[in-house]
Amino acid sequence: MPLFKRRAAGKPGEWFYCLEHKKVEEGPDCPGKDRMGPYASREEATRAMETARDRNAEWENDPRWHDAPRGGDGSEG
């Protein structure tokens, strides 16, 4: 028997979305590698995948995340 139990980080009142079980949990039940959060409310955690999808779309279309040519005129330098 281990001397110390490994506890998941988090506390009651924090909400998480478990990627493995596809469910919302409070104060997490599952390991950090399998969850998104913490979120301030159950409703925010319920929308975790939608929020991630929207943010990914924003980042994919953000010109700051795309490589720009050096020098601005297309020449390398």
PDB file of N, CA and C in Angstrom:
ATOM      1  N   MET A   1       0.843  -1.183   0.000  1.00  0.00           N
ATOM      2  CA  MET A   1       0.000   0.000   0.000  1.00  0.00           C
ATOM      3  C   MET A   1       0.892   1.250   0.000  1.00  0.00           C
ATOM      4  N   PRO A   2       0.624   2.200  -0.902  1.00  0.00           N
ATOM      5  CA  PRO A   2       1.462   3.394  -0.956  1.00  0.00           C
ATOM      6  C   PRO A   2       1.272   4.258   0.284  1.00  0.00           C
ATOM      7  N   LEU A   3       2.330   4.930   0.636  1.00  0.00           N
ATOM      8  CA  LEU A   3       2.292   5.801   1.798  1.00  0.00           C
ATOM      9  C   LEU A   3       1.425   7.037   1.542  1.00  0.00           C
ATOM     10  N   PHE A   4       1.543   7.571   0.317  1.00  0.00           N
ATOM     11  CA  PHE A   4       0.753   8.746  -0.048  1.00  0.00           C
ATOM     12  C   PHE A   4      -0.107   8.406  -1.247  1.00  0.00           C
ATOM     13  N   LYS A   5      -1.358   8.807  -1.190  1.00  0.00           N
ATOM     14  CA  LYS A   5      -2.253   8.609  -2.332  1.00  0.00           C
ATOM     15  C   LYS A   5      -2.038   9.742  -3.315  1.00  0.00           C
ATOM     16  N   ARG A   6      -1.960   9.403  -4.579  1.00  0.00           N
ATOM     17  CA  ARG A   6      -1.848  10.435  -5.607  1.00  0.00           C
ATOM     18  C   ARG A   6      -3.237  11.016  -5.831  1.00  0.00           C
ATOM     19  N   ARG A   7      -3.355  12.309  -5.663  1.00  0.00           N
ATOM     20  CA  ARG A   7      -4.635  12.984  -5.838  1.00  0.00           C
ATOM     21  C   ARG A   7      -4.629  13.788  -7.120  1.00  0.00           C
ATOM     22  N   ALA A   8      -5.755  13.855  -7.758  1.00  0.00           N
ATOM     23  CA  ALA A   8      -5.896  14.714  -8.939  1.00  0.00           C
ATOM     24  C   ALA A   8      -5.954  16.163  -8.464  1.00  0.00           C
ATOM     25  N   ALA A   9      -5.326  17.057  -9.219  1.00  0.00           N
ATOM     26  CA  ALA A   9      -5.365  18.479  -8.859  1.00  0.00           C
ATOM     27  C   ALA A   9      -6.760  19.010  -9.100  1.00  0.00           C
ATOM     28  N   GLY A  10      -7.188  19.910  -8.265  1.00  0.00           N
ATOM     29  CA  GLY A  10      -8.507  20.503  -8.415  1.00  0.00           C
ATOM     30  C   GLY A  10      -9.261  20.443  -7.109  1.00  0.00           C
ATOM     31  N   LYS A  11     -10.367  21.154  -7.071  1.00  0.00           N
ATOM     32  CA  LYS A  11     -11.154  21.191  -5.851  1.00  0.00           C
ATOM     33  C   LYS A  11     -12.624  21.355  -6.193  1.00  0.00           C
ATOM     34  N   PRO A  12     -13.502  21.061  -5.257  1.00  0.00           N
ATOM     35  CA  PRO A  12     -14.929  21.248  -5.509  1.00  0.00           C
ATOM     36  C   PRO A  12     -15.213  22.680  -5.935  1.00  0.00           C
ATOM     37  N   GLY A  13     -16.120  22.836  -6.859  1.00  0.00           N
ATOM     38  CA  GLY A  13     -16.439  24.155  -7.400  1.00  0.00           C
ATOM     39  C   GLY A  13     -15.737  24.430  -8.708  1.00  0.00           C
ATOM     40  N   GLU A  14     -14.710  23.629  -9.032  1.00  0.00           N
ATOM     41  CA  GLU A  14     -14.060  23.716 -10.336  1.00  0.00           C
ATOM     42  C   GLU A  14     -14.654  22.610 -11.206  1.00  0.00           C
ATOM     43  N   TRP A  15     -14.964  22.949 -12.427  1.00  0.00           N
ATOM     44  CA  TRP A  15     -15.598  22.006 -13.345  1.00  0.00           C
ATOM     45  C   TRP A  15     -14.640  21.634 -14.459  1.00  0.00           C
ATOM     46  N   PHE A  16     -14.682  20.385 -14.869  1.00  0.00           N
ATOM     47  CA  PHE A  16     -13.806  19.853 -15.904  1.00  0.00           C
ATOM     48  C   PHE A  16     -14.633  19.061 -16.908  1.00  0.00           C
ATOM     49  N   TYR A  17     -14.074  18.917 -18.115  1.00  0.00           N
ATOM     50  CA  TYR A  17     -14.681  18.043 -19.122  1.00  0.00           C
ATOM     51  C   TYR A  17     -13.719  16.887 -19.339  1.00  0.00           C
ATOM     52  N   CYS A  18     -14.187  15.654 -19.103  1.00  0.00           N
ATOM     53  CA  CYS A  18     -13.351  14.471 -19.277  1.00  0.00           C
ATOM     54  C   CYS A  18     -13.410  14.027 -20.733  1.00  0.00           C
ATOM     55  N   LEU A  19     -12.251  14.009 -21.377  1.00  0.00           N
ATOM     56  CA  LEU A  19     -12.165  13.623 -22.786  1.00  0.00           C
ATOM     57  C   LEU A  19     -12.360  12.124 -22.977  1.00  0.00           C
ATOM     58  N   GLU A  20     -11.998  11.335 -21.985  1.00  0.00           N
ATOM     59  CA  GLU A  20     -12.123   9.889 -22.102  1.00  0.00           C
ATOM     60  C   GLU A  20     -13.571   9.434 -21.935  1.00  0.00           C
ATOM     61  N   HIS A  21     -14.247   9.981 -20.937  1.00  0.00           N
ATOM     62  CA  HIS A  21     -15.622   9.559 -20.649  1.00  0.00           C
ATOM     63  C   HIS A  21     -16.673  10.450 -21.288  1.00  0.00           C
ATOM     64  N   LYS A  22     -16.217  11.571 -21.894  1.00  0.00           N
ATOM     65  CA  LYS A  22     -17.131  12.519 -22.555  1.00  0.00           C
ATOM     66  C   LYS A  22     -18.213  13.011 -21.594  1.00  0.00           C
ATOM     67  N   LYS A  23     -17.751  13.433 -20.396  1.00  0.00           N
ATOM     68  CA  LYS A  23     -18.709  13.921 -19.409  1.00  0.00           C
ATOM     69  C   LYS A  23     -18.097  15.054 -18.594  1.00  0.00           C
ATOM     70  N   VAL A  24     -18.966  15.815 -17.972  1.00  0.00           N
ATOM     71  CA  VAL A  24     -18.568  16.913 -17.102  1.00  0.00           C
ATOM     72  C   VAL A  24     -18.400  16.358 -15.693  1.00  0.00           C
ATOM     73  N   GLU A  25     -17.356  16.820 -15.001  1.00  0.00           N
ATOM     74  CA  GLU A  25     -17.134  16.379 -13.631  1.00  0.00           C
ATOM     75  C   GLU A  25     -16.713  17.565 -12.770  1.00  0.00           C
ATOM     76  N   GLU A  26     -17.056  17.482 -11.512  1.00  0.00           N
ATOM     77  CA  GLU A  26     -16.681  18.544 -10.578  1.00  0.00           C
ATOM     78  C   GLU A  26     -15.491  18.094  -9.759  1.00  0.00           C
ATOM     79  N   GLY A  27     -14.499  18.954  -9.667  1.00  0.00           N
ATOM     80  CA  GLY A  27     -13.366  18.773  -8.785  1.00  0.00           C
ATOM     81  C   GLY A  27     -12.448  17.627  -9.100  1.00  0.00           C
ATOM     82  N   PRO A  28     -11.911  17.359 -10.118  1.00  0.00           N
ATOM     83  CA  PRO A  28     -11.870  16.300 -11.133  1.00  0.00           C
ATOM     84  C   PRO A  28     -11.842  14.876 -10.600  1.00  0.00           C
ATOM     85  N   ASP A  29     -12.405  13.987 -11.378  1.00  0.00           N
ATOM     86  CA  ASP A  29     -12.378  12.561 -11.077  1.00  0.00           C
ATOM     87  C   ASP A  29     -11.285  11.873 -11.881  1.00  0.00           C
ATOM     88  N   CYS A  30     -10.977  12.379 -13.044  1.00  0.00           N
ATOM     89  CA  CYS A  30     -10.049  11.719 -13.974  1.00  0.00           C
ATOM     90  C   CYS A  30      -8.692  12.437 -14.000  1.00  0.00           C
ATOM     91  N   PRO A  31      -7.638  11.752 -14.470  1.00  0.00           N
ATOM     92  CA  PRO A  31      -6.307  12.359 -14.536  1.00  0.00           C
ATOM     93  C   PRO A  31      -6.264  13.571 -15.467  1.00  0.00           C
ATOM     94  N   GLY A  32      -5.327  14.463 -15.211  1.00  0.00           N
ATOM     95  CA  GLY A  32      -5.190  15.690 -15.988  1.00  0.00           C
ATOM     96  C   GLY A  32      -5.025  15.463 -17.475  1.00  0.00           C
ATOM     97  N   LYS A  33      -4.378  14.372 -17.866  1.00  0.00           N
ATOM     98  CA  LYS A  33      -4.166  14.106 -19.293  1.00  0.00           C
ATOM     99  C   LYS A  33      -5.464  13.834 -20.025  1.00  0.00           C
ATOM    100  N   ASP A  34      -6.525  13.528 -19.305  1.00  0.00           N
ATOM    101  CA  ASP A  34      -7.812  13.173 -19.908  1.00  0.00           C
ATOM    102  C   ASP A  34      -8.885  14.235 -19.737  1.00  0.00           C
ATOM    103  N   ARG A  35      -8.508  15.443 -19.306  1.00  0.00           N
ATOM    104  CA  ARG A  35      -9.558  16.430 -19.046  1.00  0.00           C
ATOM    105  C   ARG A  35      -9.170  17.818 -19.524  1.00  0.00           C
ATOM    106  N   MET A  36     -10.189  18.633 -19.703  1.00  0.00           N
ATOM    107  CA  MET A  36     -10.029  20.051 -20.045  1.00  0.00           C
ATOM    108  C   MET A  36     -10.606  20.856 -18.888  1.00  0.00           C
ATOM    109  N   GLY A  37      -9.972  21.970 -18.566  1.00  0.00           N
ATOM    110  CA  GLY A  37     -10.491  22.804 -17.502  1.00  0.00           C
ATOM    111  C   GLY A  37      -9.376  23.269 -16.595  1.00  0.00           C
ATOM    112  N   PRO A  38      -9.674  23.920 -15.530  1.00  0.00           N
ATOM    113  CA  PRO A  38     -10.988  24.051 -14.916  1.00  0.00           C
ATOM    114  C   PRO A  38     -11.820  25.160 -15.547  1.00  0.00           C
ATOM    115  N   TYR A  39     -13.122  25.008 -15.420  1.00  0.00           N
ATOM    116  CA  TYR A  39     -14.097  25.987 -15.869  1.00  0.00           C
ATOM    117  C   TYR A  39     -14.836  26.513 -14.647  1.00  0.00           C
ATOM    118  N   ALA A  40     -15.355  27.717 -14.752  1.00  0.00           N
ATOM    119  CA  ALA A  40     -16.035  28.352 -13.622  1.00  0.00           C
ATOM    120  C   ALA A  40     -17.416  27.776 -13.355  1.00  0.00           C
ATOM    121  N   SER A  41     -18.028  27.161 -14.364  1.00  0.00           N
ATOM    122  CA  SER A  41     -19.376  26.631 -14.173  1.00  0.00           C
ATOM    123  C   SER A  41     -19.557  25.324 -14.937  1.00  0.00           C
ATOM    124  N   ARG A  42     -20.588  24.602 -14.561  1.00  0.00           N
ATOM    125  CA  ARG A  42     -20.928  23.350 -15.241  1.00  0.00           C
ATOM    126  C   ARG A  42     -21.261  23.615 -16.707  1.00  0.00           C
ATOM    127  N   GLU A  43     -21.940  24.726 -16.975  1.00  0.00           N
ATOM    128  CA  GLU A  43     -22.331  25.071 -18.345  1.00  0.00           C
ATOM    129  C   GLU A  43     -21.101  25.313 -19.228  1.00  0.00           C
ATOM    130  N   GLU A  44     -20.090  26.008 -18.683  1.00  0.00           N
ATOM    131  CA  GLU A  44     -18.859  26.237 -19.456  1.00  0.00           C
ATOM    132  C   GLU A  44     -18.166  24.914 -19.761  1.00  0.00           C
ATOM    133  N   ALA A  45     -18.119  24.019 -18.783  1.00  0.00           N
ATOM    134  CA  ALA A  45     -17.484  22.714 -18.993  1.00  0.00           C
ATOM    135  C   ALA A  45     -18.254  21.893 -20.021  1.00  0.00           C
ATOM    136  N   THR A  46     -19.566  22.021 -20.035  1.00  0.00           N
ATOM    137  CA  THR A  46     -20.389  21.307 -21.002  1.00  0.00           C
ATOM    138  C   THR A  46     -20.053  21.742 -22.424  1.00  0.00           C
ATOM    139  N   ARG A  47     -19.681  23.011 -22.596  1.00  0.00           N
ATOM    140  CA  ARG A  47     -19.349  23.547 -23.917  1.00  0.00           C
ATOM    141  C   ARG A  47     -17.854  23.481 -24.237  1.00  0.00           C
ATOM    142  N   ALA A  48     -17.090  22.703 -23.490  1.00  0.00           N
ATOM    143  CA  ALA A  48     -15.631  22.665 -23.643  1.00  0.00           C
ATOM    144  C   ALA A  48     -15.193  22.324 -25.061  1.00  0.00           C
ATOM    145  N   MET A  49     -15.777  21.316 -25.668  1.00  0.00           N
ATOM    146  CA  MET A  49     -15.367  20.916 -27.014  1.00  0.00           C
ATOM    147  C   MET A  49     -15.738  21.978 -28.039  1.00  0.00           C
ATOM    148  N   GLU A  50     -16.895  22.587 -27.887  1.00  0.00           N
ATOM    149  CA  GLU A  50     -17.313  23.663 -28.789  1.00  0.00           C
ATOM    150  C   GLU A  50     -16.377  24.867 -28.652  1.00  0.00           C
ATOM    151  N   THR A  51     -16.019  25.211 -27.414  1.00  0.00           N
ATOM    152  CA  THR A  51     -15.093  26.317 -27.169  1.00  0.00           C
ATOM    153  C   THR A  51     -13.743  26.034 -27.809  1.00  0.00           C
ATOM    154  N   ALA A  52     -13.234  24.819 -27.651  1.00  0.00           N
ATOM    155  CA  ALA A  52     -11.944  24.445 -28.243  1.00  0.00           C
ATOM    156  C   ALA A  52     -12.005  24.515 -29.765  1.00  0.00           C
ATOM    157  N   ARG A  53     -13.094  24.049 -30.347  1.00  0.00           N
ATOM    158  CA  ARG A  53     -13.267  24.081 -31.805  1.00  0.00           C
ATOM    159  C   ARG A  53     -13.265  25.524 -32.306  1.00  0.00           C
ATOM    160  N   ASP A  54     -13.980  26.411 -31.605  1.00  0.00           N
ATOM    161  CA  ASP A  54     -14.035  27.828 -31.996  1.00  0.00           C
ATOM    162  C   ASP A  54     -12.664  28.490 -31.884  1.00  0.00           C
ATOM    163  N   ARG A  55     -11.944  28.209 -30.798  1.00  0.00           N
ATOM    164  CA  ARG A  55     -10.620  28.798 -30.612  1.00  0.00           C
ATOM    165  C   ARG A  55      -9.641  28.287 -31.665  1.00  0.00           C
ATOM    166  N   ASN A  56      -9.721  27.012 -31.991  1.00  0.00           N
ATOM    167  CA  ASN A  56      -8.838  26.463 -33.028  1.00  0.00           C
ATOM    168  C   ASN A  56      -9.088  27.141 -34.370  1.00  0.00           C
ATOM    169  N   ALA A  57     -10.359  27.374 -34.698  1.00  0.00           N
ATOM    170  CA  ALA A  57     -10.690  28.048 -35.957  1.00  0.00           C
ATOM    171  C   ALA A  57     -10.129  29.472 -35.965  1.00  0.00           C
ATOM    172  N   GLU A  58     -10.234  30.169 -34.827  1.00  0.00           N
ATOM    173  CA  GLU A  58      -9.678  31.525 -34.736  1.00  0.00           C
ATOM    174  C   GLU A  58      -8.168  31.512 -34.947  1.00  0.00           C
ATOM    175  N   TRP A  59      -7.478  30.579 -34.297  1.00  0.00           N
ATOM    176  CA  TRP A  59      -6.021  30.515 -34.410  1.00  0.00           C
ATOM    177  C   TRP A  59      -5.583  30.135 -35.819  1.00  0.00           C
ATOM    178  N   GLU A  60      -6.315  29.244 -36.458  1.00  0.00           N
ATOM    179  CA  GLU A  60      -5.956  28.839 -37.815  1.00  0.00           C
ATOM    180  C   GLU A  60      -6.066  29.992 -38.799  1.00  0.00           C
ATOM    181  N   ASN A  61      -6.942  30.950 -38.506  1.00  0.00           N
ATOM    182  CA  ASN A  61      -7.153  32.082 -39.400  1.00  0.00           C
ATOM    183  C   ASN A  61      -6.443  33.352 -38.932  1.00  0.00           C
ATOM    184  N   ASP A  62      -5.675  33.276 -37.868  1.00  0.00           N
ATOM    185  CA  ASP A  62      -4.969  34.428 -37.331  1.00  0.00           C
ATOM    186  C   ASP A  62      -3.627  34.582 -38.061  1.00  0.00           C
ATOM    187  N   PRO A  63      -3.417  35.692 -38.753  1.00  0.00           N
ATOM    188  CA  PRO A  63      -2.176  35.864 -39.519  1.00  0.00           C
ATOM    189  C   PRO A  63      -0.919  35.862 -38.641  1.00  0.00           C
ATOM    190  N   ARG A  64      -1.052  36.145 -37.352  1.00  0.00           N
ATOM    191  CA  ARG A  64       0.126  36.135 -36.479  1.00  0.00           C
ATOM    192  C   ARG A  64       0.680  34.727 -36.275  1.00  0.00           C
ATOM    193  N   TRP A  65      -0.120  33.690 -36.567  1.00  0.00           N
ATOM    194  CA  TRP A  65       0.320  32.309 -36.375  1.00  0.00           C
ATOM    195  C   TRP A  65       0.886  31.704 -37.654  1.00  0.00           C
ATOM    196  N   HIS A  66       0.871  32.449 -38.741  1.00  0.00           N
ATOM    197  CA  HIS A  66       1.400  31.941 -40.008  1.00  0.00           C
ATOM    198  C   HIS A  66       2.766  32.560 -40.267  1.00  0.00           C
ATOM    199  N   ASP A  67       3.655  31.780 -40.844  1.00  0.00           N
ATOM    200  CA  ASP A  67       4.988  32.293 -41.141  1.00  0.00           C
ATOM    201  C   ASP A  67       4.899  33.362 -42.226  1.00  0.00           C
ATOM    202  N   ALA A  68       5.497  34.502 -41.936  1.00  0.00           N
ATOM    203  CA  ALA A  68       5.535  35.593 -42.910  1.00  0.00           C
ATOM    204  C   ALA A  68       6.917  35.610 -43.546  1.00  0.00           C
ATOM    205  N   PRO A  69       6.996  36.013 -44.806  1.00  0.00           N
ATOM    206  CA  PRO A  69       8.301  36.118 -45.439  1.00  0.00           C
ATOM    207  C   PRO A  69       9.173  37.126 -44.708  1.00  0.00           C
ATOM    208  N   ARG A  70      10.458  36.835 -44.635  1.00  0.00           N
ATOM    209  CA  ARG A  70      11.391  37.761 -43.980  1.00  0.00           C
ATOM    210  C   ARG A  70      11.541  39.034 -44.794  1.00  0.00           C
ATOM    211  N   GLY A  71      11.616  40.135 -44.122  1.00  0.00           N
ATOM    212  CA  GLY A  71      11.827  41.403 -44.799  1.00  0.00           C
ATOM    213  C   GLY A  71      10.545  41.995 -45.376  1.00  0.00           C
ATOM    214  N   GLY A  72       9.492  41.229 -45.410  1.00  0.00           N
ATOM    215  CA  GLY A  72       8.218  41.730 -45.878  1.00  0.00           C
ATOM    216  C   GLY A  72       8.086  41.848 -47.378  1.00  0.00           C
ATOM    217  N   ASP A  73       9.206  41.721 -48.153  1.00  0.00           N
ATOM    218  CA  ASP A  73       9.109  41.876 -49.599  1.00  0.00           C
ATOM    219  C   ASP A  73       9.303  40.545 -50.323  1.00  0.00           C
ATOM    220  N   GLY A  74       9.324  39.466 -49.581  1.00  0.00           N
ATOM    221  CA  GLY A  74       9.471  38.156 -50.197  1.00  0.00           C
ATOM    222  C   GLY A  74      10.893  37.686 -50.317  1.00  0.00           C
ATOM    223  N   SER A  75      11.851  38.574 -50.058  1.00  0.00           N
ATOM    224  CA  SER A  75      13.259  38.166 -50.142  1.00  0.00           C
ATOM    225  C   SER A  75      13.711  37.602 -48.804  1.00  0.00           C
ATOM    226  N   GLU A  76      14.652  36.671 -48.879  1.00  0.00           N
ATOM    227  CA  GLU A  76      15.192  36.112 -47.631  1.00  0.00           C
ATOM    228  C   GLU A  76      16.324  36.991 -47.178  1.00  0.00           C
ATOM    229  N   GLY A  77      16.440  37.145 -45.867  1.00  0.00           N
ATOM    230  CA  GLY A  77      17.525  37.987 -45.493  1.00  0.00           C
ATOM    231  C   GLY A  77      17.798  37.984 -44.106  1.00  0.00           C
TER     232      GLY A  77
END
